[in-house]
């Protein structure tokens, strides 16, 4: 009967101990996980995959970085099978990473469900394809109309409410153009924060950085969006300095919700 003491299981455990020494305190937990995987039908050919998936599911930053480096292209390829538009591919890649690596608390990351009965690469590709198909179905069900319409009604400040009512379409166009022009990482971080509603620590797990770094990224991206949207609006409406101050207040008001609506 197969055992964790057999090759290549023993070799996979030894490799893990060398690559992720910070997990040494959890060696017994990993060994128990491998034993359960073997009992559940895991194949020895996928021993290294079983160990990697476990390390990623525990939240280890180095293992997560290796996962993205070696298998990230599977997420991109799966999205492109459905729609090759860069925005769609970026959205699916991020959504798949969230579901596989971070999870939706209290549920564990989905990669924790990998059991080694087939290659991890194929398992990840199938998971990403499901995310892509679900994104298409959700888009078909989503109601059309003005994406920022109800933001006007929610605005408590009478002046800002008037401005939003007057310049709603211009604001939407300027903000959409700004978001489209953002660098890929800034747009991804904003989507993870405002659309996926991830905590800073969860985003940090994806990028293998501390949550304080993510906080700076989010703040810098939001500031860049506000400044560029204001610039585009001022240029589009050809207004003076006094009106520009009001426009700046309008842009800042509910910016996170506006970003979430457009990135969604």
C-alpha atoms as a PDB file:
ATOM      1  CA  UNK A   1       0.000   0.000   0.000  1.00  0.00           C
ATOM      2  CA  UNK A   2       1.296   3.483  -0.905  1.00  0.00           C
ATOM      3  CA  UNK A   3       2.733   5.550   1.926  1.00  0.00           C
ATOM      4  CA  UNK A   4       4.224   8.950   2.580  1.00  0.00           C
ATOM      5  CA  UNK A   5       7.523   7.106   3.075  1.00  0.00           C
ATOM      6  CA  UNK A   6       7.561   5.945  -0.532  1.00  0.00           C
ATOM      7  CA  UNK A   7       9.258   7.730  -3.404  1.00  0.00           C
ATOM      8  CA  UNK A   8       8.445  10.253  -4.838  1.00  0.00           C
ATOM      9  CA  UNK A   9       6.366  11.360  -1.828  1.00  0.00           C
ATOM     10  CA  UNK A  10       9.404  11.345   0.411  1.00  0.00           C
ATOM     11  CA  UNK A  11      11.333  13.350  -2.166  1.00  0.00           C
ATOM     12  CA  UNK A  12       8.506  15.922  -2.472  1.00  0.00           C
ATOM     13  CA  UNK A  13       8.463  16.431   1.299  1.00  0.00           C
ATOM     14  CA  UNK A  14      12.234  16.839   1.363  1.00  0.00           C
ATOM     15  CA  UNK A  15      12.084  19.401  -1.457  1.00  0.00           C
ATOM     16  CA  UNK A  16       9.414  21.330   0.428  1.00  0.00           C
ATOM     17  CA  UNK A  17      11.540  21.401   3.566  1.00  0.00           C
ATOM     18  CA  UNK A  18      14.421  22.898   1.595  1.00  0.00           C
ATOM     19  CA  UNK A  19      12.346  25.381  -0.426  1.00  0.00           C
ATOM     20  CA  UNK A  20      10.074  26.565   2.393  1.00  0.00           C
ATOM     21  CA  UNK A  21      12.028  26.215   5.638  1.00  0.00           C
ATOM     22  CA  UNK A  22       9.597  28.621   7.296  1.00  0.00           C
ATOM     23  CA  UNK A  23       7.025  25.810   7.218  1.00  0.00           C
ATOM     24  CA  UNK A  24       9.210  23.450   9.240  1.00  0.00           C
ATOM     25  CA  UNK A  25       6.977  23.883  12.284  1.00  0.00           C
ATOM     26  CA  UNK A  26       4.082  22.484  10.238  1.00  0.00           C
ATOM     27  CA  UNK A  27       5.915  19.466   8.857  1.00  0.00           C
ATOM     28  CA  UNK A  28       3.687  17.029  10.721  1.00  0.00           C
ATOM     29  CA  UNK A  29       0.597  18.804   9.352  1.00  0.00           C
ATOM     30  CA  UNK A  30       1.928  18.531   5.805  1.00  0.00           C
ATOM     31  CA  UNK A  31       2.743  14.871   6.246  1.00  0.00           C
ATOM     32  CA  UNK A  32      -0.762  14.193   7.520  1.00  0.00           C
ATOM     33  CA  UNK A  33      -2.196  16.042   4.531  1.00  0.00           C
ATOM     34  CA  UNK A  34      -0.131  13.920   2.152  1.00  0.00           C
ATOM     35  CA  UNK A  35      -1.267  10.730   3.879  1.00  0.00           C
ATOM     36  CA  UNK A  36      -4.910  11.783   3.453  1.00  0.00           C
ATOM     37  CA  UNK A  37      -4.276  12.614  -0.210  1.00  0.00           C
ATOM     38  CA  UNK A  38      -2.725   9.182  -0.812  1.00  0.00           C
ATOM     39  CA  UNK A  39      -5.673   7.517   0.914  1.00  0.00           C
ATOM     40  CA  UNK A  40      -7.987   9.554  -1.333  1.00  0.00           C
ATOM     41  CA  UNK A  41      -6.340   8.319  -4.512  1.00  0.00           C
ATOM     42  CA  UNK A  42      -3.538  10.814  -5.132  1.00  0.00           C
ATOM     43  CA  UNK A  43      -1.003   9.539  -7.630  1.00  0.00           C
ATOM     44  CA  UNK A  44       2.720   9.508  -6.932  1.00  0.00           C
ATOM     45  CA  UNK A  45       3.315  11.296 -10.256  1.00  0.00           C
ATOM     46  CA  UNK A  46       1.670  14.371  -8.722  1.00  0.00           C
ATOM     47  CA  UNK A  47       3.419  14.319  -5.349  1.00  0.00           C
ATOM     48  CA  UNK A  48       5.115  17.695  -5.893  1.00  0.00           C
ATOM     49  CA  UNK A  49       1.765  19.195  -6.955  1.00  0.00           C
ATOM     50  CA  UNK A  50       0.064  17.979  -3.776  1.00  0.00           C
ATOM     51  CA  UNK A  51       2.769  19.547  -1.622  1.00  0.00           C
ATOM     52  CA  UNK A  52       2.731  22.841  -3.539  1.00  0.00           C
ATOM     53  CA  UNK A  53      -1.064  23.112  -3.335  1.00  0.00           C
ATOM     54  CA  UNK A  54      -0.950  22.536   0.420  1.00  0.00           C
ATOM     55  CA  UNK A  55       1.720  25.206   0.899  1.00  0.00           C
ATOM     56  CA  UNK A  56      -0.300  27.720  -1.143  1.00  0.00           C
ATOM     57  CA  UNK A  57      -3.472  26.908   0.791  1.00  0.00           C
ATOM     58  CA  UNK A  58      -1.677  27.631   4.068  1.00  0.00           C
ATOM     59  CA  UNK A  59      -0.919  31.142   2.830  1.00  0.00           C
ATOM     60  CA  UNK A  60       2.829  30.754   2.395  1.00  0.00           C
ATOM     61  CA  UNK A  61       4.071  33.733   0.361  1.00  0.00           C
ATOM     62  CA  UNK A  62       6.967  31.917  -1.315  1.00  0.00           C
ATOM     63  CA  UNK A  63       4.748  29.027  -2.393  1.00  0.00           C
ATOM     64  CA  UNK A  64       2.121  31.439  -3.701  1.00  0.00           C
ATOM     65  CA  UNK A  65       4.778  33.287  -5.712  1.00  0.00           C
ATOM     66  CA  UNK A  66       5.945  29.995  -7.229  1.00  0.00           C
ATOM     67  CA  UNK A  67       2.343  29.038  -8.021  1.00  0.00           C
ATOM     68  CA  UNK A  68       1.776  32.308  -9.915  1.00  0.00           C
ATOM     69  CA  UNK A  69       5.137  32.032 -11.665  1.00  0.00           C
ATOM     70  CA  UNK A  70       4.642  28.456 -12.853  1.00  0.00           C
ATOM     71  CA  UNK A  71       0.870  28.254 -13.317  1.00  0.00           C
ATOM     72  CA  UNK A  72      -0.279  31.833 -13.808  1.00  0.00           C
ATOM     73  CA  UNK A  73      -0.240  31.442 -17.579  1.00  0.00           C
ATOM     74  CA  UNK A  74      -2.914  28.748 -17.266  1.00  0.00           C
ATOM     75  CA  UNK A  75      -5.288  31.382 -15.862  1.00  0.00           C
ATOM     76  CA  UNK A  76      -4.582  33.711 -18.778  1.00  0.00           C
ATOM     77  CA  UNK A  77      -4.931  30.939 -21.362  1.00  0.00           C
ATOM     78  CA  UNK A  78      -8.264  29.806 -19.916  1.00  0.00           C
ATOM     79  CA  UNK A  79      -9.689  33.339 -20.076  1.00  0.00           C
ATOM     80  CA  UNK A  80      -8.544  33.779 -23.679  1.00  0.00           C
ATOM     81  CA  UNK A  81     -10.461  30.673 -24.719  1.00  0.00           C
ATOM     82  CA  UNK A  82     -13.653  32.577 -23.890  1.00  0.00           C
ATOM     83  CA  UNK A  83     -12.752  36.177 -24.757  1.00  0.00           C
ATOM     84  CA  UNK A  84      -9.375  37.596 -25.828  1.00  0.00           C
ATOM     85  CA  UNK A  85     -10.209  41.163 -24.753  1.00  0.00           C
ATOM     86  CA  UNK A  86      -7.411  42.316 -22.393  1.00  0.00           C
ATOM     87  CA  UNK A  87      -9.868  43.690 -19.818  1.00  0.00           C
ATOM     88  CA  UNK A  88     -11.748  40.376 -19.674  1.00  0.00           C
ATOM     89  CA  UNK A  89      -8.541  38.337 -19.429  1.00  0.00           C
ATOM     90  CA  UNK A  90      -7.259  40.566 -16.626  1.00  0.00           C
ATOM     91  CA  UNK A  91     -10.557  40.297 -14.755  1.00  0.00           C
ATOM     92  CA  UNK A  92     -10.716  36.515 -15.006  1.00  0.00           C
ATOM     93  CA  UNK A  93      -7.078  36.086 -13.997  1.00  0.00           C
ATOM     94  CA  UNK A  94      -7.591  38.172 -10.865  1.00  0.00           C
ATOM     95  CA  UNK A  95     -10.895  36.496  -9.988  1.00  0.00           C
ATOM     96  CA  UNK A  96      -9.382  33.034 -10.425  1.00  0.00           C
ATOM     97  CA  UNK A  97      -6.409  33.918  -8.236  1.00  0.00           C
ATOM     98  CA  UNK A  98      -8.735  35.177  -5.516  1.00  0.00           C
ATOM     99  CA  UNK A  99     -10.824  32.027  -5.533  1.00  0.00           C
ATOM    100  CA  UNK A 100      -7.910  29.618  -5.772  1.00  0.00           C
ATOM    101  CA  UNK A 101      -5.355  31.272  -3.499  1.00  0.00           C
ATOM    102  CA  UNK A 102      -7.259  33.519  -1.097  1.00  0.00           C
ATOM    103  CA  UNK A 103     -10.714  32.002  -0.891  1.00  0.00           C
ATOM    104  CA  UNK A 104     -13.862  33.621   0.411  1.00  0.00           C
ATOM    105  CA  UNK A 105     -13.690  33.492   4.237  1.00  0.00           C
ATOM    106  CA  UNK A 106     -14.734  31.522   6.126  1.00  0.00           C
ATOM    107  CA  UNK A 107     -14.348  29.110   3.205  1.00  0.00           C
ATOM    108  CA  UNK A 108     -10.740  28.050   2.539  1.00  0.00           C
ATOM    109  CA  UNK A 109      -8.920  28.731  -0.746  1.00  0.00           C
ATOM    110  CA  UNK A 110     -10.183  26.399  -3.448  1.00  0.00           C
ATOM    111  CA  UNK A 111      -6.710  25.049  -4.048  1.00  0.00           C
ATOM    112  CA  UNK A 112      -7.104  23.289  -0.703  1.00  0.00           C
ATOM    113  CA  UNK A 113      -9.468  20.948  -2.544  1.00  0.00           C
ATOM    114  CA  UNK A 114      -6.797  19.647  -4.924  1.00  0.00           C
ATOM    115  CA  UNK A 115      -6.222  15.951  -4.201  1.00  0.00           C
ATOM    116  CA  UNK A 116      -3.517  14.901  -6.663  1.00  0.00           C
ATOM    117  CA  UNK A 117      -5.581  12.565  -8.827  1.00  0.00           C
ATOM    118  CA  UNK A 118      -4.486  14.560 -11.885  1.00  0.00           C
ATOM    119  CA  UNK A 119      -1.874  17.215 -12.683  1.00  0.00           C
ATOM    120  CA  UNK A 120      -2.255  20.521 -10.823  1.00  0.00           C
ATOM    121  CA  UNK A 121      -1.770  22.410 -14.103  1.00  0.00           C
ATOM    122  CA  UNK A 122      -4.880  20.853 -15.618  1.00  0.00           C
ATOM    123  CA  UNK A 123      -6.866  21.308 -12.404  1.00  0.00           C
ATOM    124  CA  UNK A 124      -5.991  25.029 -12.327  1.00  0.00           C
ATOM    125  CA  UNK A 125      -6.842  25.486 -16.011  1.00  0.00           C
ATOM    126  CA  UNK A 126     -10.278  23.939 -15.495  1.00  0.00           C
ATOM    127  CA  UNK A 127     -10.931  26.104 -12.428  1.00  0.00           C
ATOM    128  CA  UNK A 128      -9.989  29.248 -14.359  1.00  0.00           C
ATOM    129  CA  UNK A 129     -12.198  28.222 -17.278  1.00  0.00           C
ATOM    130  CA  UNK A 130     -15.154  27.922 -14.895  1.00  0.00           C
ATOM    131  CA  UNK A 131     -14.462  31.428 -13.590  1.00  0.00           C
ATOM    132  CA  UNK A 132     -14.342  32.747 -17.164  1.00  0.00           C
ATOM    133  CA  UNK A 133     -17.637  31.102 -18.096  1.00  0.00           C
ATOM    134  CA  UNK A 134     -19.283  32.383 -14.911  1.00  0.00           C
ATOM    135  CA  UNK A 135     -18.080  35.905 -15.749  1.00  0.00           C
ATOM    136  CA  UNK A 136     -19.735  35.702 -19.162  1.00  0.00           C
ATOM    137  CA  UNK A 137     -22.995  34.426 -17.662  1.00  0.00           C
ATOM    138  CA  UNK A 138     -22.973  37.172 -15.033  1.00  0.00           C
ATOM    139  CA  UNK A 139     -22.408  39.826 -17.704  1.00  0.00           C
ATOM    140  CA  UNK A 140     -25.376  38.514 -19.689  1.00  0.00           C
ATOM    141  CA  UNK A 141     -27.612  38.665 -16.602  1.00  0.00           C
ATOM    142  CA  UNK A 142     -26.436  42.139 -15.540  1.00  0.00           C
ATOM    143  CA  UNK A 143     -28.968  44.896 -16.198  1.00  0.00           C
ATOM    144  CA  UNK A 144     -27.974  47.610 -18.630  1.00  0.00           C
ATOM    145  CA  UNK A 145     -28.405  51.355 -18.178  1.00  0.00           C
ATOM    146  CA  UNK A 146     -26.483  54.117 -16.512  1.00  0.00           C
ATOM    147  CA  UNK A 147     -23.753  52.616 -14.357  1.00  0.00           C
ATOM    148  CA  UNK A 148     -23.553  55.711 -12.119  1.00  0.00           C
ATOM    149  CA  UNK A 149     -27.213  56.725 -12.108  1.00  0.00           C
ATOM    150  CA  UNK A 150     -28.093  55.850  -8.535  1.00  0.00           C
ATOM    151  CA  UNK A 151     -25.004  57.640  -7.203  1.00  0.00           C
ATOM    152  CA  UNK A 152     -26.790  60.923  -7.847  1.00  0.00           C
ATOM    153  CA  UNK A 153     -29.719  59.968  -5.618  1.00  0.00           C
ATOM    154  CA  UNK A 154     -27.393  58.792  -2.833  1.00  0.00           C
ATOM    155  CA  UNK A 155     -25.420  62.044  -2.704  1.00  0.00           C
ATOM    156  CA  UNK A 156     -26.349  63.989   0.502  1.00  0.00           C
ATOM    157  CA  UNK A 157     -24.636  67.262  -0.510  1.00  0.00           C
ATOM    158  CA  UNK A 158     -27.068  69.364  -2.605  1.00  0.00           C
ATOM    159  CA  UNK A 159     -24.274  71.030  -4.612  1.00  0.00           C
ATOM    160  CA  UNK A 160     -22.585  67.748  -5.433  1.00  0.00           C
ATOM    161  CA  UNK A 161     -25.920  66.150  -6.247  1.00  0.00           C
ATOM    162  CA  UNK A 162     -26.600  68.916  -8.763  1.00  0.00           C
ATOM    163  CA  UNK A 163     -23.146  68.578 -10.292  1.00  0.00           C
ATOM    164  CA  UNK A 164     -23.504  64.819 -10.613  1.00  0.00           C
ATOM    165  CA  UNK A 165     -26.901  65.189 -12.222  1.00  0.00           C
ATOM    166  CA  UNK A 166     -25.540  67.739 -14.707  1.00  0.00           C
ATOM    167  CA  UNK A 167     -22.288  65.984 -15.543  1.00  0.00           C
ATOM    168  CA  UNK A 168     -23.160  62.362 -14.917  1.00  0.00           C
ATOM    169  CA  UNK A 169     -22.328  61.110 -18.391  1.00  0.00           C
ATOM    170  CA  UNK A 170     -19.178  63.234 -18.638  1.00  0.00           C
ATOM    171  CA  UNK A 171     -18.018  61.977 -15.244  1.00  0.00           C
ATOM    172  CA  UNK A 172     -18.636  58.349 -16.246  1.00  0.00           C
ATOM    173  CA  UNK A 173     -16.734  58.810 -19.517  1.00  0.00           C
ATOM    174  CA  UNK A 174     -13.797  60.552 -17.818  1.00  0.00           C
ATOM    175  CA  UNK A 175     -13.559  57.949 -15.057  1.00  0.00           C
ATOM    176  CA  UNK A 176     -13.810  55.058 -17.520  1.00  0.00           C
ATOM    177  CA  UNK A 177     -11.024  56.556 -19.632  1.00  0.00           C
ATOM    178  CA  UNK A 178      -8.877  57.048 -16.542  1.00  0.00           C
ATOM    179  CA  UNK A 179      -9.358  53.453 -15.376  1.00  0.00           C
ATOM    180  CA  UNK A 180      -8.600  52.112 -18.849  1.00  0.00           C
ATOM    181  CA  UNK A 181      -5.321  54.050 -18.900  1.00  0.00           C
ATOM    182  CA  UNK A 182      -4.158  52.854 -15.470  1.00  0.00           C
ATOM    183  CA  UNK A 183      -1.132  50.561 -15.234  1.00  0.00           C
ATOM    184  CA  UNK A 184      -2.179  46.923 -14.961  1.00  0.00           C
ATOM    185  CA  UNK A 185      -1.220  46.470 -11.294  1.00  0.00           C
ATOM    186  CA  UNK A 186      -3.030  49.613 -10.145  1.00  0.00           C
ATOM    187  CA  UNK A 187      -6.204  48.567 -11.952  1.00  0.00           C
ATOM    188  CA  UNK A 188      -5.932  45.035 -10.552  1.00  0.00           C
ATOM    189  CA  UNK A 189      -5.420  46.271  -6.980  1.00  0.00           C
ATOM    190  CA  UNK A 190      -8.420  48.595  -7.217  1.00  0.00           C
ATOM    191  CA  UNK A 191     -10.577  45.770  -8.547  1.00  0.00           C
ATOM    192  CA  UNK A 192      -9.480  43.431  -5.773  1.00  0.00           C
ATOM    193  CA  UNK A 193     -10.168  46.086  -3.138  1.00  0.00           C
ATOM    194  CA  UNK A 194     -13.383  47.686  -4.379  1.00  0.00           C
ATOM    195  CA  UNK A 195     -15.018  44.973  -6.511  1.00  0.00           C
ATOM    196  CA  UNK A 196     -13.876  41.736  -4.882  1.00  0.00           C
ATOM    197  CA  UNK A 197     -13.932  43.493  -1.470  1.00  0.00           C
ATOM    198  CA  UNK A 198     -10.742  41.804  -0.302  1.00  0.00           C
ATOM    199  CA  UNK A 199      -9.017  42.926   2.875  1.00  0.00           C
ATOM    200  CA  UNK A 200      -5.568  44.488   2.536  1.00  0.00           C
ATOM    201  CA  UNK A 201      -3.969  41.391   4.061  1.00  0.00           C
ATOM    202  CA  UNK A 202      -5.682  39.158   1.490  1.00  0.00           C
ATOM    203  CA  UNK A 203      -4.399  41.270  -1.391  1.00  0.00           C
ATOM    204  CA  UNK A 204      -0.955  41.225   0.203  1.00  0.00           C
ATOM    205  CA  UNK A 205      -1.105  37.443   0.164  1.00  0.00           C
ATOM    206  CA  UNK A 206      -1.640  37.479  -3.602  1.00  0.00           C
ATOM    207  CA  UNK A 207       1.328  39.770  -4.202  1.00  0.00           C
ATOM    208  CA  UNK A 208       3.507  38.382  -1.380  1.00  0.00           C
ATOM    209  CA  UNK A 209       3.816  41.806   0.290  1.00  0.00           C
ATOM    210  CA  UNK A 210       2.804  43.257   3.648  1.00  0.00           C
ATOM    211  CA  UNK A 211      -0.666  44.781   3.973  1.00  0.00           C
ATOM    212  CA  UNK A 212       0.897  48.201   4.669  1.00  0.00           C
ATOM    213  CA  UNK A 213       2.410  48.062   1.178  1.00  0.00           C
ATOM    214  CA  UNK A 214      -0.993  47.216  -0.289  1.00  0.00           C
ATOM    215  CA  UNK A 215      -2.517  50.129   1.619  1.00  0.00           C
ATOM    216  CA  UNK A 216      -0.043  52.479  -0.038  1.00  0.00           C
ATOM    217  CA  UNK A 217      -0.758  50.959  -3.444  1.00  0.00           C
ATOM    218  CA  UNK A 218      -4.510  51.403  -3.049  1.00  0.00           C
ATOM    219  CA  UNK A 219      -4.168  54.974  -1.789  1.00  0.00           C
ATOM    220  CA  UNK A 220      -1.777  55.918  -4.591  1.00  0.00           C
ATOM    221  CA  UNK A 221      -4.011  54.326  -7.247  1.00  0.00           C
ATOM    222  CA  UNK A 222      -7.129  56.075  -5.900  1.00  0.00           C
ATOM    223  CA  UNK A 223      -5.318  59.415  -5.808  1.00  0.00           C
ATOM    224  CA  UNK A 224      -4.127  58.915  -9.379  1.00  0.00           C
ATOM    225  CA  UNK A 225      -7.663  58.084 -10.511  1.00  0.00           C
ATOM    226  CA  UNK A 226      -9.123  61.143  -8.773  1.00  0.00           C
ATOM    227  CA  UNK A 227      -6.499  63.502 -10.206  1.00  0.00           C
ATOM    228  CA  UNK A 228      -6.712  62.199 -13.764  1.00  0.00           C
ATOM    229  CA  UNK A 229     -10.520  62.075 -13.759  1.00  0.00           C
ATOM    230  CA  UNK A 230     -10.632  65.685 -12.547  1.00  0.00           C
ATOM    231  CA  UNK A 231      -8.161  66.674 -15.264  1.00  0.00           C
ATOM    232  CA  UNK A 232     -10.215  64.982 -17.963  1.00  0.00           C
ATOM    233  CA  UNK A 233     -13.458  66.533 -16.728  1.00  0.00           C
ATOM    234  CA  UNK A 234     -11.999  70.046 -16.553  1.00  0.00           C
ATOM    235  CA  UNK A 235     -10.641  69.707 -20.075  1.00  0.00           C
ATOM    236  CA  UNK A 236     -13.878  68.221 -21.420  1.00  0.00           C
ATOM    237  CA  UNK A 237     -16.133  70.861 -19.825  1.00  0.00           C
ATOM    238  CA  UNK A 238     -13.776  73.845 -20.368  1.00  0.00           C
ATOM    239  CA  UNK A 239     -14.498  75.302 -16.908  1.00  0.00           C
ATOM    240  CA  UNK A 240     -12.673  77.806 -14.717  1.00  0.00           C
ATOM    241  CA  UNK A 241     -10.698  77.400 -11.505  1.00  0.00           C
ATOM    242  CA  UNK A 242     -13.671  77.959  -9.158  1.00  0.00           C
ATOM    243  CA  UNK A 243     -15.808  75.379 -10.878  1.00  0.00           C
ATOM    244  CA  UNK A 244     -12.812  73.055 -10.982  1.00  0.00           C
ATOM    245  CA  UNK A 245     -12.754  73.009  -7.181  1.00  0.00           C
ATOM    246  CA  UNK A 246     -16.368  71.836  -7.162  1.00  0.00           C
ATOM    247  CA  UNK A 247     -15.552  69.250  -9.808  1.00  0.00           C
ATOM    248  CA  UNK A 248     -12.704  67.990  -7.641  1.00  0.00           C
ATOM    249  CA  UNK A 249     -15.127  67.553  -4.732  1.00  0.00           C
ATOM    250  CA  UNK A 250     -17.535  65.720  -6.989  1.00  0.00           C
ATOM    251  CA  UNK A 251     -14.813  63.358  -8.160  1.00  0.00           C
ATOM    252  CA  UNK A 252     -13.687  62.632  -4.596  1.00  0.00           C
ATOM    253  CA  UNK A 253     -17.253  62.023  -3.399  1.00  0.00           C
ATOM    254  CA  UNK A 254     -18.005  58.311  -3.538  1.00  0.00           C
ATOM    255  CA  UNK A 255     -14.955  57.587  -5.675  1.00  0.00           C
ATOM    256  CA  UNK A 256     -14.565  54.041  -4.344  1.00  0.00           C
ATOM    257  CA  UNK A 257     -18.156  53.160  -5.267  1.00  0.00           C
ATOM    258  CA  UNK A 258     -17.787  54.763  -8.689  1.00  0.00           C
ATOM    259  CA  UNK A 259     -14.592  52.770  -9.322  1.00  0.00           C
ATOM    260  CA  UNK A 260     -16.297  49.570  -8.171  1.00  0.00           C
ATOM    261  CA  UNK A 261     -19.240  50.096 -10.535  1.00  0.00           C
ATOM    262  CA  UNK A 262     -17.060  50.702 -13.581  1.00  0.00           C
ATOM    263  CA  UNK A 263     -14.513  47.963 -12.876  1.00  0.00           C
ATOM    264  CA  UNK A 264     -17.328  45.501 -12.267  1.00  0.00           C
END
